[in-house]
């Protein structure tokens, strides 16, 4: 789970979230950030983890400030090796 060094979860009001599926259980938020940041300013990457093991659950949410940046990431990355969905 990552909120980029913040003490708590970020304010996600007025952000656009992408649901990212089909990621490796070894993938971290730090791995995903540079992949998505090239398409716009990423506000947050949240990766739910198994409470018992701490392992990734195989999906994440990437949040952008602007809808056009989120759409650009979907257009460029969807179907390549990840499955992406807008999550409003």
PDB file of N, CA and C in Angstrom:
ATOM      1  N   UNK A   1       0.851  -1.157   0.000  1.00  0.00           N
ATOM      2  CA  UNK A   1       0.000   0.000   0.000  1.00  0.00           C
ATOM      3  C   UNK A   1       0.900   1.223   0.000  1.00  0.00           C
ATOM      4  N   UNK A   2       0.550   2.215  -0.780  1.00  0.00           N
ATOM      5  CA  UNK A   2       1.384   3.405  -0.819  1.00  0.00           C
ATOM      6  C   UNK A   2       0.512   4.631  -0.959  1.00  0.00           C
ATOM      7  N   UNK A   3       0.877   5.621  -0.227  1.00  0.00           N
ATOM      8  CA  UNK A   3       0.265   6.930  -0.384  1.00  0.00           C
ATOM      9  C   UNK A   3       1.373   7.969  -0.495  1.00  0.00           C
ATOM     10  N   UNK A   4       2.552   7.511  -0.970  1.00  0.00           N
ATOM     11  CA  UNK A   4       3.707   8.361  -1.248  1.00  0.00           C
ATOM     12  C   UNK A   4       4.140   9.189  -0.046  1.00  0.00           C
ATOM     13  N   UNK A   5       4.383   8.503   1.076  1.00  0.00           N
ATOM     14  CA  UNK A   5       4.974   9.141   2.237  1.00  0.00           C
ATOM     15  C   UNK A   5       4.021   9.950   3.081  1.00  0.00           C
ATOM     16  N   UNK A   6       2.761   9.927   2.783  1.00  0.00           N
ATOM     17  CA  UNK A   6       1.804  10.685   3.581  1.00  0.00           C
ATOM     18  C   UNK A   6       1.475   9.932   4.854  1.00  0.00           C
ATOM     19  N   UNK A   7       0.984  10.670   5.844  1.00  0.00           N
ATOM     20  CA  UNK A   7       0.649  10.043   7.112  1.00  0.00           C
ATOM     21  C   UNK A   7      -0.684   9.307   7.051  1.00  0.00           C
ATOM     22  N   UNK A   8      -1.478   9.579   6.077  1.00  0.00           N
ATOM     23  CA  UNK A   8      -2.765   8.913   5.931  1.00  0.00           C
ATOM     24  C   UNK A   8      -3.166   8.894   4.480  1.00  0.00           C
ATOM     25  N   UNK A   9      -4.350   8.347   4.200  1.00  0.00           N
ATOM     26  CA  UNK A   9      -4.795   8.306   2.809  1.00  0.00           C
ATOM     27  C   UNK A   9      -5.002   9.707   2.244  1.00  0.00           C
ATOM     28  N   UNK A  10      -4.769   9.872   0.951  1.00  0.00           N
ATOM     29  CA  UNK A  10      -4.931  11.185   0.328  1.00  0.00           C
ATOM     30  C   UNK A  10      -6.404  11.524   0.149  1.00  0.00           C
ATOM     31  N   UNK A  11      -6.667  12.792  -0.044  1.00  0.00           N
ATOM     32  CA  UNK A  11      -8.009  13.242  -0.380  1.00  0.00           C
ATOM     33  C   UNK A  11      -8.225  12.914  -1.857  1.00  0.00           C
ATOM     34  N   UNK A  12      -9.125  11.989  -2.135  1.00  0.00           N
ATOM     35  CA  UNK A  12      -9.328  11.571  -3.525  1.00  0.00           C
ATOM     36  C   UNK A  12     -10.531  12.253  -4.167  1.00  0.00           C
ATOM     37  N   UNK A  13     -11.134  13.187  -3.453  1.00  0.00           N
ATOM     38  CA  UNK A  13     -12.211  13.978  -4.037  1.00  0.00           C
ATOM     39  C   UNK A  13     -11.647  14.737  -5.239  1.00  0.00           C
ATOM     40  N   UNK A  14     -12.393  14.794  -6.288  1.00  0.00           N
ATOM     41  CA  UNK A  14     -11.980  15.491  -7.504  1.00  0.00           C
ATOM     42  C   UNK A  14     -10.758  14.861  -8.168  1.00  0.00           C
ATOM     43  N   UNK A  15     -10.628  13.533  -8.057  1.00  0.00           N
ATOM     44  CA  UNK A  15      -9.584  12.820  -8.795  1.00  0.00           C
ATOM     45  C   UNK A  15     -10.254  11.782  -9.687  1.00  0.00           C
ATOM     46  N   UNK A  16      -9.486  11.247 -10.602  1.00  0.00           N
ATOM     47  CA  UNK A  16      -9.979  10.239 -11.537  1.00  0.00           C
ATOM     48  C   UNK A  16      -9.166   8.977 -11.341  1.00  0.00           C
ATOM     49  N   UNK A  17      -9.851   7.908 -10.975  1.00  0.00           N
ATOM     50  CA  UNK A  17      -9.173   6.663 -10.624  1.00  0.00           C
ATOM     51  C   UNK A  17      -9.226   5.656 -11.748  1.00  0.00           C
ATOM     52  N   UNK A  18      -8.120   4.949 -11.917  1.00  0.00           N
ATOM     53  CA  UNK A  18      -8.054   3.815 -12.817  1.00  0.00           C
ATOM     54  C   UNK A  18      -7.920   2.561 -11.971  1.00  0.00           C
ATOM     55  N   UNK A  19      -8.732   1.577 -12.271  1.00  0.00           N
ATOM     56  CA  UNK A  19      -8.590   0.264 -11.656  1.00  0.00           C
ATOM     57  C   UNK A  19      -7.633  -0.520 -12.538  1.00  0.00           C
ATOM     58  N   UNK A  20      -6.531  -0.957 -11.973  1.00  0.00           N
ATOM     59  CA  UNK A  20      -5.487  -1.658 -12.722  1.00  0.00           C
ATOM     60  C   UNK A  20      -5.534  -3.123 -12.303  1.00  0.00           C
ATOM     61  N   UNK A  21      -5.804  -3.991 -13.260  1.00  0.00           N
ATOM     62  CA  UNK A  21      -5.899  -5.424 -13.002  1.00  0.00           C
ATOM     63  C   UNK A  21      -4.757  -6.164 -13.686  1.00  0.00           C
ATOM     64  N   UNK A  22      -4.603  -7.416 -13.325  1.00  0.00           N
ATOM     65  CA  UNK A  22      -3.642  -8.303 -13.975  1.00  0.00           C
ATOM     66  C   UNK A  22      -2.199  -7.929 -13.667  1.00  0.00           C
ATOM     67  N   UNK A  23      -1.960  -7.444 -12.445  1.00  0.00           N
ATOM     68  CA  UNK A  23      -0.583  -7.125 -12.074  1.00  0.00           C
ATOM     69  C   UNK A  23      -0.001  -8.245 -11.218  1.00  0.00           C
ATOM     70  N   UNK A  24       1.281  -8.380 -11.286  1.00  0.00           N
ATOM     71  CA  UNK A  24       1.987  -9.408 -10.531  1.00  0.00           C
ATOM     72  C   UNK A  24       1.806  -9.178  -9.032  1.00  0.00           C
ATOM     73  N   UNK A  25       1.779 -10.240  -8.285  1.00  0.00           N
ATOM     74  CA  UNK A  25       1.659 -10.141  -6.834  1.00  0.00           C
ATOM     75  C   UNK A  25       2.921  -9.554  -6.213  1.00  0.00           C
ATOM     76  N   UNK A  26       3.998  -9.497  -6.953  1.00  0.00           N
ATOM     77  CA  UNK A  26       5.251  -8.902  -6.463  1.00  0.00           C
ATOM     78  C   UNK A  26       5.377  -7.426  -6.817  1.00  0.00           C
ATOM     79  N   UNK A  27       4.471  -6.907  -7.629  1.00  0.00           N
ATOM     80  CA  UNK A  27       4.515  -5.505  -8.044  1.00  0.00           C
ATOM     81  C   UNK A  27       4.249  -4.595  -6.851  1.00  0.00           C
ATOM     82  N   UNK A  28       4.970  -3.472  -6.815  1.00  0.00           N
ATOM     83  CA  UNK A  28       4.773  -2.480  -5.754  1.00  0.00           C
ATOM     84  C   UNK A  28       4.244  -1.178  -6.368  1.00  0.00           C
ATOM     85  N   UNK A  29       3.773  -0.297  -5.512  1.00  0.00           N
ATOM     86  CA  UNK A  29       3.332   1.022  -5.968  1.00  0.00           C
ATOM     87  C   UNK A  29       4.493   1.774  -6.611  1.00  0.00           C
ATOM     88  N   UNK A  30       5.681   1.587  -6.075  1.00  0.00           N
ATOM     89  CA  UNK A  30       6.862   2.243  -6.657  1.00  0.00           C
ATOM     90  C   UNK A  30       7.163   1.729  -8.060  1.00  0.00           C
ATOM     91  N   UNK A  31       6.769   0.500  -8.365  1.00  0.00           N
ATOM     92  CA  UNK A  31       6.923  -0.029  -9.723  1.00  0.00           C
ATOM     93  C   UNK A  31       5.917   0.618 -10.669  1.00  0.00           C
ATOM     94  N   UNK A  32       4.697   0.808 -10.200  1.00  0.00           N
ATOM     95  CA  UNK A  32       3.633   1.336 -11.056  1.00  0.00           C
ATOM     96  C   UNK A  32       3.749   2.836 -11.293  1.00  0.00           C
ATOM     97  N   UNK A  33       4.214   3.565 -10.288  1.00  0.00           N
ATOM     98  CA  UNK A  33       4.229   5.020 -10.387  1.00  0.00           C
ATOM     99  C   UNK A  33       4.895   5.542 -11.661  1.00  0.00           C
ATOM    100  N   UNK A  34       6.141   5.163 -11.981  1.00  0.00           N
ATOM    101  CA  UNK A  34       6.766   5.720 -13.189  1.00  0.00           C
ATOM    102  C   UNK A  34       6.077   5.303 -14.487  1.00  0.00           C
ATOM    103  N   UNK A  35       5.455   4.153 -14.488  1.00  0.00           N
ATOM    104  CA  UNK A  35       4.744   3.697 -15.678  1.00  0.00           C
ATOM    105  C   UNK A  35       3.560   4.616 -15.987  1.00  0.00           C
ATOM    106  N   UNK A  36       2.838   5.027 -14.951  1.00  0.00           N
ATOM    107  CA  UNK A  36       1.652   5.861 -15.136  1.00  0.00           C
ATOM    108  C   UNK A  36       1.965   7.347 -15.120  1.00  0.00           C
ATOM    109  N   UNK A  37       3.004   7.745 -14.422  1.00  0.00           N
ATOM    110  CA  UNK A  37       3.341   9.163 -14.300  1.00  0.00           C
ATOM    111  C   UNK A  37       3.752   9.790 -15.625  1.00  0.00           C
ATOM    112  N   UNK A  38       4.176   8.990 -16.576  1.00  0.00           N
ATOM    113  CA  UNK A  38       4.564   9.553 -17.874  1.00  0.00           C
ATOM    114  C   UNK A  38       3.369  10.099 -18.655  1.00  0.00           C
ATOM    115  N   UNK A  39       2.140   9.769 -18.228  1.00  0.00           N
ATOM    116  CA  UNK A  39       0.937  10.236 -18.927  1.00  0.00           C
ATOM    117  C   UNK A  39       0.247  11.374 -18.203  1.00  0.00           C
ATOM    118  N   UNK A  40       0.764  11.776 -17.053  1.00  0.00           N
ATOM    119  CA  UNK A  40       0.186  12.881 -16.298  1.00  0.00           C
ATOM    120  C   UNK A  40       0.570  12.778 -14.838  1.00  0.00           C
ATOM    121  N   UNK A  41       0.154  13.756 -14.058  1.00  0.00           N
ATOM    122  CA  UNK A  41       0.516  13.793 -12.642  1.00  0.00           C
ATOM    123  C   UNK A  41      -0.314  12.787 -11.851  1.00  0.00           C
ATOM    124  N   UNK A  42       0.356  11.770 -11.340  1.00  0.00           N
ATOM    125  CA  UNK A  42      -0.297  10.759 -10.518  1.00  0.00           C
ATOM    126  C   UNK A  42      -0.415  11.305  -9.098  1.00  0.00           C
ATOM    127  N   UNK A  43      -1.638  11.314  -8.581  1.00  0.00           N
ATOM    128  CA  UNK A  43      -1.905  11.790  -7.231  1.00  0.00           C
ATOM    129  C   UNK A  43      -1.600  10.698  -6.212  1.00  0.00           C
ATOM    130  N   UNK A  44      -1.917   9.451  -6.571  1.00  0.00           N
ATOM    131  CA  UNK A  44      -1.774   8.354  -5.620  1.00  0.00           C
ATOM    132  C   UNK A  44      -1.802   7.020  -6.353  1.00  0.00           C
ATOM    133  N   UNK A  45      -1.097   6.054  -5.795  1.00  0.00           N
ATOM    134  CA  UNK A  45      -1.208   4.660  -6.218  1.00  0.00           C
ATOM    135  C   UNK A  45      -1.554   3.867  -4.957  1.00  0.00           C
ATOM    136  N   UNK A  46      -2.681   3.181  -4.982  1.00  0.00           N
ATOM    137  CA  UNK A  46      -3.115   2.390  -3.831  1.00  0.00           C
ATOM    138  C   UNK A  46      -3.195   0.923  -4.249  1.00  0.00           C
ATOM    139  N   UNK A  47      -2.455   0.093  -3.526  1.00  0.00           N
ATOM    140  CA  UNK A  47      -2.441  -1.342  -3.805  1.00  0.00           C
ATOM    141  C   UNK A  47      -2.924  -2.079  -2.560  1.00  0.00           C
ATOM    142  N   UNK A  48      -4.155  -2.573  -2.570  1.00  0.00           N
ATOM    143  CA  UNK A  48      -4.619  -3.350  -1.419  1.00  0.00           C
ATOM    144  C   UNK A  48      -3.740  -4.579  -1.208  1.00  0.00           C
ATOM    145  N   UNK A  49      -3.502  -4.899   0.040  1.00  0.00           N
ATOM    146  CA  UNK A  49      -2.647  -6.028   0.398  1.00  0.00           C
ATOM    147  C   UNK A  49      -3.415  -7.014   1.267  1.00  0.00           C
ATOM    148  N   UNK A  50      -3.008  -8.269   1.176  1.00  0.00           N
ATOM    149  CA  UNK A  50      -3.564  -9.310   2.029  1.00  0.00           C
ATOM    150  C   UNK A  50      -3.152  -9.011   3.470  1.00  0.00           C
ATOM    151  N   UNK A  51      -4.111  -8.938   4.374  1.00  0.00           N
ATOM    152  CA  UNK A  51      -3.814  -8.578   5.765  1.00  0.00           C
ATOM    153  C   UNK A  51      -2.924  -9.606   6.459  1.00  0.00           C
ATOM    154  N   UNK A  52      -3.080 -10.837   6.082  1.00  0.00           N
ATOM    155  CA  UNK A  52      -2.323 -11.910   6.734  1.00  0.00           C
ATOM    156  C   UNK A  52      -0.892 -11.992   6.217  1.00  0.00           C
ATOM    157  N   UNK A  53      -0.735 -11.968   4.899  1.00  0.00           N
ATOM    158  CA  UNK A  53       0.587 -12.186   4.302  1.00  0.00           C
ATOM    159  C   UNK A  53       1.304 -10.897   3.907  1.00  0.00           C
ATOM    160  N   UNK A  54       0.548  -9.820   3.688  1.00  0.00           N
ATOM    161  CA  UNK A  54       1.147  -8.576   3.217  1.00  0.00           C
ATOM    162  C   UNK A  54       1.376  -8.543   1.716  1.00  0.00           C
ATOM    163  N   UNK A  55       1.027  -9.627   1.025  1.00  0.00           N
ATOM    164  CA  UNK A  55       1.209  -9.699  -0.424  1.00  0.00           C
ATOM    165  C   UNK A  55       0.161  -8.855  -1.151  1.00  0.00           C
ATOM    166  N   UNK A  56       0.528  -8.396  -2.326  1.00  0.00           N
ATOM    167  CA  UNK A  56      -0.402  -7.702  -3.194  1.00  0.00           C
ATOM    168  C   UNK A  56      -1.581  -8.611  -3.523  1.00  0.00           C
ATOM    169  N   UNK A  57      -2.734  -8.018  -3.760  1.00  0.00           N
ATOM    170  CA  UNK A  57      -3.911  -8.796  -4.140  1.00  0.00           C
ATOM    171  C   UNK A  57      -4.088  -8.822  -5.656  1.00  0.00           C
ATOM    172  N   UNK A  58      -3.128  -8.295  -6.410  1.00  0.00           N
ATOM    173  CA  UNK A  58      -3.149  -8.395  -7.864  1.00  0.00           C
ATOM    174  C   UNK A  58      -3.862  -7.272  -8.576  1.00  0.00           C
ATOM    175  N   UNK A  59      -4.221  -6.211  -7.837  1.00  0.00           N
ATOM    176  CA  UNK A  59      -4.831  -5.048  -8.479  1.00  0.00           C
ATOM    177  C   UNK A  59      -4.425  -3.791  -7.724  1.00  0.00           C
ATOM    178  N   UNK A  60      -4.672  -2.647  -8.374  1.00  0.00           N
ATOM    179  CA  UNK A  60      -4.322  -1.361  -7.766  1.00  0.00           C
ATOM    180  C   UNK A  60      -5.253  -0.284  -8.307  1.00  0.00           C
ATOM    181  N   UNK A  61      -5.249   0.854  -7.631  1.00  0.00           N
ATOM    182  CA  UNK A  61      -5.931   2.052  -8.102  1.00  0.00           C
ATOM    183  C   UNK A  61      -4.877   3.123  -8.313  1.00  0.00           C
ATOM    184  N   UNK A  62      -4.881   3.711  -9.515  1.00  0.00           N
ATOM    185  CA  UNK A  62      -3.991   4.822  -9.828  1.00  0.00           C
ATOM    186  C   UNK A  62      -4.889   6.038 -10.005  1.00  0.00           C
ATOM    187  N   UNK A  63      -4.565   7.109  -9.276  1.00  0.00           N
ATOM    188  CA  UNK A  63      -5.430   8.292  -9.294  1.00  0.00           C
ATOM    189  C   UNK A  63      -4.717   9.480  -9.928  1.00  0.00           C
ATOM    190  N   UNK A  64      -5.436  10.114 -10.852  1.00  0.00           N
ATOM    191  CA  UNK A  64      -4.959  11.311 -11.545  1.00  0.00           C
ATOM    192  C   UNK A  64      -5.815  12.506 -11.148  1.00  0.00           C
ATOM    193  N   UNK A  65      -5.246  13.689 -11.272  1.00  0.00           N
ATOM    194  CA  UNK A  65      -5.981  14.929 -11.016  1.00  0.00           C
ATOM    195  C   UNK A  65      -6.894  15.282 -12.193  1.00  0.00           C
ATOM    196  N   UNK A  66      -6.461  14.963 -13.415  1.00  0.00           N
ATOM    197  CA  UNK A  66      -7.205  15.397 -14.601  1.00  0.00           C
ATOM    198  C   UNK A  66      -7.671  14.207 -15.425  1.00  0.00           C
ATOM    199  N   UNK A  67      -8.892  14.299 -15.902  1.00  0.00           N
ATOM    200  CA  UNK A  67      -9.502  13.202 -16.654  1.00  0.00           C
ATOM    201  C   UNK A  67      -8.754  12.913 -17.945  1.00  0.00           C
ATOM    202  N   UNK A  68      -8.251  13.951 -18.621  1.00  0.00           N
ATOM    203  CA  UNK A  68      -7.559  13.720 -19.890  1.00  0.00           C
ATOM    204  C   UNK A  68      -6.255  12.942 -19.687  1.00  0.00           C
ATOM    205  N   UNK A  69      -5.594  13.136 -18.556  1.00  0.00           N
ATOM    206  CA  UNK A  69      -4.376  12.378 -18.264  1.00  0.00           C
ATOM    207  C   UNK A  69      -4.704  10.917 -17.976  1.00  0.00           C
ATOM    208  N   UNK A  70      -5.773  10.701 -17.229  1.00  0.00           N
ATOM    209  CA  UNK A  70      -6.207   9.321 -16.950  1.00  0.00           C
ATOM    210  C   UNK A  70      -6.590   8.618 -18.252  1.00  0.00           C
ATOM    211  N   UNK A  71      -7.296   9.318 -19.125  1.00  0.00           N
ATOM    212  CA  UNK A  71      -7.701   8.731 -20.397  1.00  0.00           C
ATOM    213  C   UNK A  71      -6.497   8.407 -21.275  1.00  0.00           C
ATOM    214  N   UNK A  72      -5.493   9.278 -21.247  1.00  0.00           N
ATOM    215  CA  UNK A  72      -4.281   9.027 -22.027  1.00  0.00           C
ATOM    216  C   UNK A  72      -3.596   7.734 -21.550  1.00  0.00           C
ATOM    217  N   UNK A  73      -3.545   7.527 -20.237  1.00  0.00           N
ATOM    218  CA  UNK A  73      -2.947   6.297 -19.701  1.00  0.00           C
ATOM    219  C   UNK A  73      -3.726   5.073 -20.157  1.00  0.00           C
ATOM    220  N   UNK A  74      -5.055   5.160 -20.126  1.00  0.00           N
ATOM    221  CA  UNK A  74      -5.886   4.042 -20.587  1.00  0.00           C
ATOM    222  C   UNK A  74      -5.626   3.776 -22.064  1.00  0.00           C
ATOM    223  N   UNK A  75      -5.627   4.834 -22.869  1.00  0.00           N
ATOM    224  CA  UNK A  75      -5.421   4.675 -24.310  1.00  0.00           C
ATOM    225  C   UNK A  75      -4.072   4.021 -24.627  1.00  0.00           C
ATOM    226  N   UNK A  76      -3.039   4.356 -23.877  1.00  0.00           N
ATOM    227  CA  UNK A  76      -1.700   3.867 -24.166  1.00  0.00           C
ATOM    228  C   UNK A  76      -1.404   2.499 -23.554  1.00  0.00           C
ATOM    229  N   UNK A  77      -1.999   2.192 -22.398  1.00  0.00           N
ATOM    230  CA  UNK A  77      -1.598   0.995 -21.670  1.00  0.00           C
ATOM    231  C   UNK A  77      -2.617  -0.135 -21.663  1.00  0.00           C
ATOM    232  N   UNK A  78      -3.889   0.166 -21.845  1.00  0.00           N
ATOM    233  CA  UNK A  78      -4.919  -0.863 -21.731  1.00  0.00           C
ATOM    234  C   UNK A  78      -4.693  -1.970 -22.753  1.00  0.00           C
ATOM    235  N   UNK A  79      -4.689  -3.199 -22.251  1.00  0.00           N
ATOM    236  CA  UNK A  79      -4.545  -4.355 -23.121  1.00  0.00           C
ATOM    237  C   UNK A  79      -3.110  -4.716 -23.452  1.00  0.00           C
ATOM    238  N   UNK A  80      -2.169  -3.846 -23.137  1.00  0.00           N
ATOM    239  CA  UNK A  80      -0.765  -4.150 -23.431  1.00  0.00           C
ATOM    240  C   UNK A  80      -0.289  -5.285 -22.523  1.00  0.00           C
ATOM    241  N   UNK A  81      -0.411  -5.082 -21.242  1.00  0.00           N
ATOM    242  CA  UNK A  81      -0.090  -6.112 -20.262  1.00  0.00           C
ATOM    243  C   UNK A  81      -0.892  -5.909 -18.989  1.00  0.00           C
ATOM    244  N   UNK A  82      -1.688  -4.838 -18.984  1.00  0.00           N
ATOM    245  CA  UNK A  82      -2.552  -4.522 -17.861  1.00  0.00           C
ATOM    246  C   UNK A  82      -3.973  -4.346 -18.375  1.00  0.00           C
ATOM    247  N   UNK A  83      -4.933  -4.529 -17.501  1.00  0.00           N
ATOM    248  CA  UNK A  83      -6.320  -4.205 -17.810  1.00  0.00           C
ATOM    249  C   UNK A  83      -6.677  -2.974 -17.000  1.00  0.00           C
ATOM    250  N   UNK A  84      -7.176  -1.928 -17.672  1.00  0.00           N
ATOM    251  CA  UNK A  84      -7.466  -0.659 -17.011  1.00  0.00           C
ATOM    252  C   UNK A  84      -8.929  -0.297 -17.161  1.00  0.00           C
ATOM    253  N   UNK A  85      -9.506   0.244 -16.115  1.00  0.00           N
ATOM    254  CA  UNK A  85     -10.892   0.705 -16.124  1.00  0.00           C
ATOM    255  C   UNK A  85     -10.971   2.017 -15.367  1.00  0.00           C
ATOM    256  N   UNK A  86     -11.773   2.952 -15.888  1.00  0.00           N
ATOM    257  CA  UNK A  86     -12.078   4.148 -15.114  1.00  0.00           C
ATOM    258  C   UNK A  86     -12.927   3.746 -13.936  1.00  0.00           C
ATOM    259  N   UNK A  87     -12.660   4.316 -12.788  1.00  0.00           N
ATOM    260  CA  UNK A  87     -13.406   4.007 -11.563  1.00  0.00           C
ATOM    261  C   UNK A  87     -13.886   5.326 -10.985  1.00  0.00           C
ATOM    262  N   UNK A  88     -15.181   5.641 -11.183  1.00  0.00           N
ATOM    263  CA  UNK A  88     -15.722   6.923 -10.690  1.00  0.00           C
ATOM    264  C   UNK A  88     -16.448   6.709  -9.399  1.00  0.00           C
TER     265      UNK A  88
END
